[in-house]
Amino acid sequence: MARDRDERRGPRLDQPKERGLSLRPTVDDEAVGRLSERIARFLGSWRFIGYMTAFIAFWIALNISPWHVDAYPFIFLTFLLSLQASYAAPLILLAQNRQADRDRVQYNEDRARTERLIADTEYLMREIASLRVALGEVATRDYIRSELRDLLDDLDEREAKGKKPKKKGKGYDDADASVTDALADDAAPTP
């Protein structure tokens, strides 16, 4: 019952229209493009040049003999060669257009990949710079050694000048007493 109602109303608008038979032939662009590339690849090979040379030599030899089909100016041979050239040129252009499309896609992919690499490189450069700044704020082993060496040199100079007498008998040895005195001198306010 519902089917009869749909047929009476006509075609539905929410469904695609069925395609009827068309007088125009449909062509698969991808298949034609692949075929044109194969033909263009063959036309650009040494094998084709060899076949074409052999065919022309055979044609000329046949038509010089008494069983000739094409007289001396070889008009039919010229016609065949121009026909072959008139079909070869568009096929070669089709193949070149497909190659240009592939090159364009490859170029866009390469450009996008390069932009990502540049962004990654800039990010890594910023990270390395921040690590360098952070390392500059950290006291390294060599820096601490040089500071301790300078401190010991200062202590030796003060000891040589005899600025303060050494304290003994409080459980400190001589080196500990001189370090403690030097630190006390550094901590005292200067007038």
C-alpha atoms as a PDB file:
ATOM      1  CA  MET A   1       0.000   0.000   0.000  1.00  0.00           C
ATOM      2  CA  ALA A   2       2.794   2.456   0.943  1.00  0.00           C
ATOM      3  CA  ARG A   3       4.626   1.588  -2.245  1.00  0.00           C
ATOM      4  CA  ASP A   4       1.670   2.560  -4.401  1.00  0.00           C
ATOM      5  CA  ARG A   5       1.431   5.873  -2.564  1.00  0.00           C
ATOM      6  CA  ASP A   6       5.181   6.663  -3.254  1.00  0.00           C
ATOM      7  CA  GLU A   7       4.757   5.856  -6.949  1.00  0.00           C
ATOM      8  CA  ARG A   8       1.764   8.185  -7.248  1.00  0.00           C
ATOM      9  CA  ARG A   9       3.582  11.133  -5.667  1.00  0.00           C
ATOM     10  CA  GLY A  10       6.556  10.957  -7.985  1.00  0.00           C
ATOM     11  CA  PRO A  11      10.275  10.879  -7.222  1.00  0.00           C
ATOM     12  CA  ARG A  12      11.374  11.462  -3.665  1.00  0.00           C
ATOM     13  CA  LEU A  13      13.530  14.467  -2.946  1.00  0.00           C
ATOM     14  CA  ASP A  14      15.519  12.846  -0.129  1.00  0.00           C
ATOM     15  CA  GLN A  15      16.996  10.155  -2.388  1.00  0.00           C
ATOM     16  CA  PRO A  16      19.322  10.594  -5.336  1.00  0.00           C
ATOM     17  CA  LYS A  17      17.799  10.304  -8.752  1.00  0.00           C
ATOM     18  CA  GLU A  18      18.552   7.122 -10.618  1.00  0.00           C
ATOM     19  CA  ARG A  19      20.627   7.738 -13.640  1.00  0.00           C
ATOM     20  CA  GLY A  20      19.229   6.517 -16.872  1.00  0.00           C
ATOM     21  CA  LEU A  21      21.097   5.453 -19.945  1.00  0.00           C
ATOM     22  CA  SER A  22      23.154   8.180 -21.500  1.00  0.00           C
ATOM     23  CA  LEU A  23      24.287   8.475 -25.073  1.00  0.00           C
ATOM     24  CA  ARG A  24      27.496  10.094 -23.953  1.00  0.00           C
ATOM     25  CA  PRO A  25      30.242   7.608 -23.103  1.00  0.00           C
ATOM     26  CA  THR A  26      31.650   7.802 -19.604  1.00  0.00           C
ATOM     27  CA  VAL A  27      35.397   7.832 -19.240  1.00  0.00           C
ATOM     28  CA  ASP A  28      37.407   6.876 -16.182  1.00  0.00           C
ATOM     29  CA  ASP A  29      39.995   9.662 -15.995  1.00  0.00           C
ATOM     30  CA  GLU A  30      42.324   7.617 -13.816  1.00  0.00           C
ATOM     31  CA  ALA A  31      42.399   4.657 -16.219  1.00  0.00           C
ATOM     32  CA  VAL A  32      42.956   6.935 -19.226  1.00  0.00           C
ATOM     33  CA  GLY A  33      45.714   8.757 -17.344  1.00  0.00           C
ATOM     34  CA  ARG A  34      47.485   5.500 -16.459  1.00  0.00           C
ATOM     35  CA  LEU A  35      47.216   4.324 -20.064  1.00  0.00           C
ATOM     36  CA  SER A  36      48.572   7.627 -21.384  1.00  0.00           C
ATOM     37  CA  GLU A  37      51.518   7.409 -18.995  1.00  0.00           C
ATOM     38  CA  ARG A  38      52.314   3.875 -20.153  1.00  0.00           C
ATOM     39  CA  ILE A  39      52.146   4.925 -23.808  1.00  0.00           C
ATOM     40  CA  ALA A  40      54.240   8.058 -23.190  1.00  0.00           C
ATOM     41  CA  ARG A  41      56.793   5.969 -21.300  1.00  0.00           C
ATOM     42  CA  PHE A  42      56.960   3.544 -24.247  1.00  0.00           C
ATOM     43  CA  LEU A  43      57.209   6.364 -26.814  1.00  0.00           C
ATOM     44  CA  GLY A  44      60.180   7.788 -24.918  1.00  0.00           C
ATOM     45  CA  SER A  45      62.133   4.519 -24.893  1.00  0.00           C
ATOM     46  CA  TRP A  46      64.938   3.200 -27.069  1.00  0.00           C
ATOM     47  CA  ARG A  47      62.801   0.147 -27.811  1.00  0.00           C
ATOM     48  CA  PHE A  48      60.210   2.341 -29.548  1.00  0.00           C
ATOM     49  CA  ILE A  49      62.908   4.093 -31.555  1.00  0.00           C
ATOM     50  CA  GLY A  50      64.263   0.699 -32.613  1.00  0.00           C
ATOM     51  CA  TYR A  51      60.787  -0.586 -33.593  1.00  0.00           C
ATOM     52  CA  MET A  52      60.015   2.617 -35.493  1.00  0.00           C
ATOM     53  CA  THR A  53      63.345   2.502 -37.323  1.00  0.00           C
ATOM     54  CA  ALA A  54      62.819  -1.160 -38.256  1.00  0.00           C
ATOM     55  CA  PHE A  55      59.264  -0.444 -39.471  1.00  0.00           C
ATOM     56  CA  ILE A  56      60.374   2.506 -41.638  1.00  0.00           C
ATOM     57  CA  ALA A  57      63.288   0.502 -43.084  1.00  0.00           C
ATOM     58  CA  PHE A  58      60.927  -2.413 -43.832  1.00  0.00           C
ATOM     59  CA  TRP A  59      58.370  -0.058 -45.414  1.00  0.00           C
ATOM     60  CA  ILE A  60      60.970   1.588 -47.645  1.00  0.00           C
ATOM     61  CA  ALA A  61      62.499  -1.791 -48.626  1.00  0.00           C
ATOM     62  CA  LEU A  62      59.047  -3.204 -49.439  1.00  0.00           C
ATOM     63  CA  ASN A  63      58.081  -0.206 -51.562  1.00  0.00           C
ATOM     64  CA  ILE A  64      61.365  -0.117 -53.495  1.00  0.00           C
ATOM     65  CA  SER A  65      60.778  -3.730 -54.520  1.00  0.00           C
ATOM     66  CA  PRO A  66      58.458  -4.650 -57.404  1.00  0.00           C
ATOM     67  CA  TRP A  67      55.606  -5.424 -54.934  1.00  0.00           C
ATOM     68  CA  HIS A  68      55.291  -1.832 -53.870  1.00  0.00           C
ATOM     69  CA  VAL A  69      52.087  -0.561 -52.266  1.00  0.00           C
ATOM     70  CA  ASP A  70      53.263   3.016 -51.765  1.00  0.00           C
ATOM     71  CA  ALA A  71      55.121   4.710 -54.617  1.00  0.00           C
ATOM     72  CA  TYR A  72      58.422   6.576 -54.189  1.00  0.00           C
ATOM     73  CA  PRO A  73      57.349   9.742 -52.371  1.00  0.00           C
ATOM     74  CA  PHE A  74      55.966   7.338 -49.710  1.00  0.00           C
ATOM     75  CA  ILE A  75      52.841   9.409 -49.106  1.00  0.00           C
ATOM     76  CA  PHE A  76      51.107   6.659 -47.125  1.00  0.00           C
ATOM     77  CA  LEU A  77      54.200   6.311 -44.868  1.00  0.00           C
ATOM     78  CA  THR A  78      54.147  10.074 -44.278  1.00  0.00           C
ATOM     79  CA  PHE A  79      50.456   9.836 -43.447  1.00  0.00           C
ATOM     80  CA  LEU A  80      51.087   7.009 -40.944  1.00  0.00           C
ATOM     81  CA  LEU A  81      53.936   8.901 -39.260  1.00  0.00           C
ATOM     82  CA  SER A  82      51.917  12.120 -38.958  1.00  0.00           C
ATOM     83  CA  LEU A  83      48.965  10.145 -37.582  1.00  0.00           C
ATOM     84  CA  GLN A  84      51.217   8.516 -34.999  1.00  0.00           C
ATOM     85  CA  ALA A  85      52.659  11.933 -34.043  1.00  0.00           C
ATOM     86  CA  SER A  86      49.189  13.503 -33.788  1.00  0.00           C
ATOM     87  CA  TYR A  87      48.133  10.846 -31.270  1.00  0.00           C
ATOM     88  CA  ALA A  88      51.447  10.733 -29.421  1.00  0.00           C
ATOM     89  CA  ALA A  89      51.549  14.463 -28.634  1.00  0.00           C
ATOM     90  CA  PRO A  90      48.254  14.625 -26.651  1.00  0.00           C
ATOM     91  CA  LEU A  91      49.088  11.387 -24.820  1.00  0.00           C
ATOM     92  CA  ILE A  92      52.447  12.826 -23.806  1.00  0.00           C
ATOM     93  CA  LEU A  93      50.723  16.031 -22.645  1.00  0.00           C
ATOM     94  CA  LEU A  94      48.233  14.003 -20.564  1.00  0.00           C
ATOM     95  CA  ALA A  95      51.116  12.142 -18.935  1.00  0.00           C
ATOM     96  CA  GLN A  96      52.918  15.426 -18.246  1.00  0.00           C
ATOM     97  CA  ASN A  97      49.770  16.913 -16.668  1.00  0.00           C
ATOM     98  CA  ARG A  98      49.425  13.911 -14.358  1.00  0.00           C
ATOM     99  CA  GLN A  99      53.096  14.194 -13.429  1.00  0.00           C
ATOM    100  CA  ALA A 100      52.664  17.925 -12.770  1.00  0.00           C
ATOM    101  CA  ASP A 101      49.718  17.141 -10.462  1.00  0.00           C
ATOM    102  CA  ARG A 102      51.793  14.565  -8.580  1.00  0.00           C
ATOM    103  CA  ASP A 103      54.678  17.032  -8.334  1.00  0.00           C
ATOM    104  CA  ARG A 104      52.333  19.703  -6.969  1.00  0.00           C
ATOM    105  CA  VAL A 105      51.031  17.344  -4.278  1.00  0.00           C
ATOM    106  CA  GLN A 106      54.582  16.270  -3.429  1.00  0.00           C
ATOM    107  CA  TYR A 107      55.672  19.911  -3.260  1.00  0.00           C
ATOM    108  CA  ASN A 108      52.834  20.754  -0.854  1.00  0.00           C
ATOM    109  CA  GLU A 109      53.691  17.765   1.334  1.00  0.00           C
ATOM    110  CA  ASP A 110      57.378  18.715   1.319  1.00  0.00           C
ATOM    111  CA  ARG A 111      56.534  22.303   2.230  1.00  0.00           C
ATOM    112  CA  ALA A 112      54.310  21.188   5.109  1.00  0.00           C
ATOM    113  CA  ARG A 113      57.006  18.778   6.327  1.00  0.00           C
ATOM    114  CA  THR A 114      59.623  21.543   6.121  1.00  0.00           C
ATOM    115  CA  GLU A 115      57.403  23.922   8.103  1.00  0.00           C
ATOM    116  CA  ARG A 116      56.954  21.272  10.802  1.00  0.00           C
ATOM    117  CA  LEU A 117      60.708  20.671  10.914  1.00  0.00           C
ATOM    118  CA  ILE A 118      61.374  24.404  11.232  1.00  0.00           C
ATOM    119  CA  ALA A 119      58.829  24.687  14.053  1.00  0.00           C
ATOM    120  CA  ASP A 120      60.369  21.686  15.827  1.00  0.00           C
ATOM    121  CA  THR A 121      63.859  23.112  15.380  1.00  0.00           C
ATOM    122  CA  GLU A 122      62.819  26.502  16.768  1.00  0.00           C
ATOM    123  CA  TYR A 123      61.184  24.789  19.750  1.00  0.00           C
ATOM    124  CA  LEU A 124      64.338  22.791  20.444  1.00  0.00           C
ATOM    125  CA  MET A 125      66.467  25.942  20.116  1.00  0.00           C
ATOM    126  CA  ARG A 126      64.275  27.705  22.707  1.00  0.00           C
ATOM    127  CA  GLU A 127      64.533  24.695  25.022  1.00  0.00           C
ATOM    128  CA  ILE A 128      68.333  24.575  24.686  1.00  0.00           C
ATOM    129  CA  ALA A 129      68.540  28.331  25.365  1.00  0.00           C
ATOM    130  CA  SER A 130      66.429  27.958  28.498  1.00  0.00           C
ATOM    131  CA  LEU A 131      68.623  25.078  29.657  1.00  0.00           C
ATOM    132  CA  ARG A 132      71.713  27.229  29.112  1.00  0.00           C
ATOM    133  CA  VAL A 133      70.198  30.010  31.187  1.00  0.00           C
ATOM    134  CA  ALA A 134      69.241  27.533  33.904  1.00  0.00           C
ATOM    135  CA  LEU A 135      72.725  26.028  33.892  1.00  0.00           C
ATOM    136  CA  GLY A 136      74.218  29.492  34.135  1.00  0.00           C
ATOM    137  CA  GLU A 137      72.376  29.959  37.438  1.00  0.00           C
ATOM    138  CA  VAL A 138      73.567  26.621  38.856  1.00  0.00           C
ATOM    139  CA  ALA A 139      76.896  26.451  40.641  1.00  0.00           C
ATOM    140  CA  THR A 140      79.088  23.968  38.809  1.00  0.00           C
ATOM    141  CA  ARG A 141      81.787  21.840  40.378  1.00  0.00           C
ATOM    142  CA  ASP A 142      84.530  23.921  38.767  1.00  0.00           C
ATOM    143  CA  TYR A 143      82.964  27.160  40.025  1.00  0.00           C
ATOM    144  CA  ILE A 144      82.740  25.831  43.599  1.00  0.00           C
ATOM    145  CA  ARG A 145      86.347  24.590  43.444  1.00  0.00           C
ATOM    146  CA  SER A 146      87.583  27.949  42.215  1.00  0.00           C
ATOM    147  CA  GLU A 147      85.650  29.765  44.963  1.00  0.00           C
ATOM    148  CA  LEU A 148      87.043  27.414  47.605  1.00  0.00           C
ATOM    149  CA  ARG A 149      90.534  27.858  46.195  1.00  0.00           C
ATOM    150  CA  ASP A 150      90.125  31.655  46.356  1.00  0.00           C
ATOM    151  CA  LEU A 151      88.874  31.362  49.911  1.00  0.00           C
ATOM    152  CA  LEU A 152      91.827  29.221  50.910  1.00  0.00           C
ATOM    153  CA  ASP A 153      94.189  31.698  49.257  1.00  0.00           C
ATOM    154  CA  ASP A 154      92.581  34.527  51.243  1.00  0.00           C
ATOM    155  CA  LEU A 155      92.946  32.498  54.417  1.00  0.00           C
ATOM    156  CA  ASP A 156      96.574  31.783  53.689  1.00  0.00           C
ATOM    157  CA  GLU A 157      97.227  35.486  53.117  1.00  0.00           C
ATOM    158  CA  ARG A 158      95.552  36.449  56.382  1.00  0.00           C
ATOM    159  CA  GLU A 159      97.441  33.775  58.224  1.00  0.00           C
ATOM    160  CA  ALA A 160     100.699  34.994  56.744  1.00  0.00           C
ATOM    161  CA  LYS A 161      99.956  38.563  57.779  1.00  0.00           C
ATOM    162  CA  GLY A 162      99.183  37.393  61.295  1.00  0.00           C
ATOM    163  CA  LYS A 163      95.970  39.336  61.512  1.00  0.00           C
ATOM    164  CA  LYS A 164      94.354  37.138  64.174  1.00  0.00           C
ATOM    165  CA  PRO A 165      95.937  34.666  66.541  1.00  0.00           C
ATOM    166  CA  LYS A 166      94.999  31.016  66.179  1.00  0.00           C
ATOM    167  CA  LYS A 167      92.630  29.582  68.745  1.00  0.00           C
ATOM    168  CA  LYS A 168      93.569  26.233  70.142  1.00  0.00           C
ATOM    169  CA  GLY A 169      92.143  23.844  72.587  1.00  0.00           C
ATOM    170  CA  LYS A 170      88.483  24.186  71.683  1.00  0.00           C
ATOM    171  CA  GLY A 171      88.328  20.969  69.650  1.00  0.00           C
ATOM    172  CA  TYR A 172      89.291  22.698  66.404  1.00  0.00           C
ATOM    173  CA  ASP A 173      92.428  21.981  64.531  1.00  0.00           C
ATOM    174  CA  ASP A 174      94.380  24.800  62.901  1.00  0.00           C
ATOM    175  CA  ALA A 175      92.650  24.691  59.517  1.00  0.00           C
ATOM    176  CA  ASP A 176      89.143  24.683  61.025  1.00  0.00           C
ATOM    177  CA  ALA A 177      89.998  27.621  63.261  1.00  0.00           C
ATOM    178  CA  SER A 178      91.354  29.678  60.364  1.00  0.00           C
ATOM    179  CA  VAL A 179      88.252  28.950  58.229  1.00  0.00           C
ATOM    180  CA  THR A 180      85.967  29.894  61.119  1.00  0.00           C
ATOM    181  CA  ASP A 181      87.890  33.124  61.732  1.00  0.00           C
ATOM    182  CA  ALA A 182      87.825  34.018  58.023  1.00  0.00           C
ATOM    183  CA  LEU A 183      84.094  33.453  57.810  1.00  0.00           C
ATOM    184  CA  ALA A 184      83.565  35.580  60.917  1.00  0.00           C
ATOM    185  CA  ASP A 185      85.654  38.367  59.392  1.00  0.00           C
ATOM    186  CA  ASP A 186      83.647  38.221  56.144  1.00  0.00           C
ATOM    187  CA  ALA A 187      80.347  38.297  58.032  1.00  0.00           C
ATOM    188  CA  ALA A 188      81.354  41.327  60.179  1.00  0.00           C
ATOM    189  CA  PRO A 189      80.190  44.691  58.860  1.00  0.00           C
ATOM    190  CA  THR A 190      82.906  46.868  57.425  1.00  0.00           C
ATOM    191  CA  PRO A 191      83.244  50.423  58.755  1.00  0.00           C
END
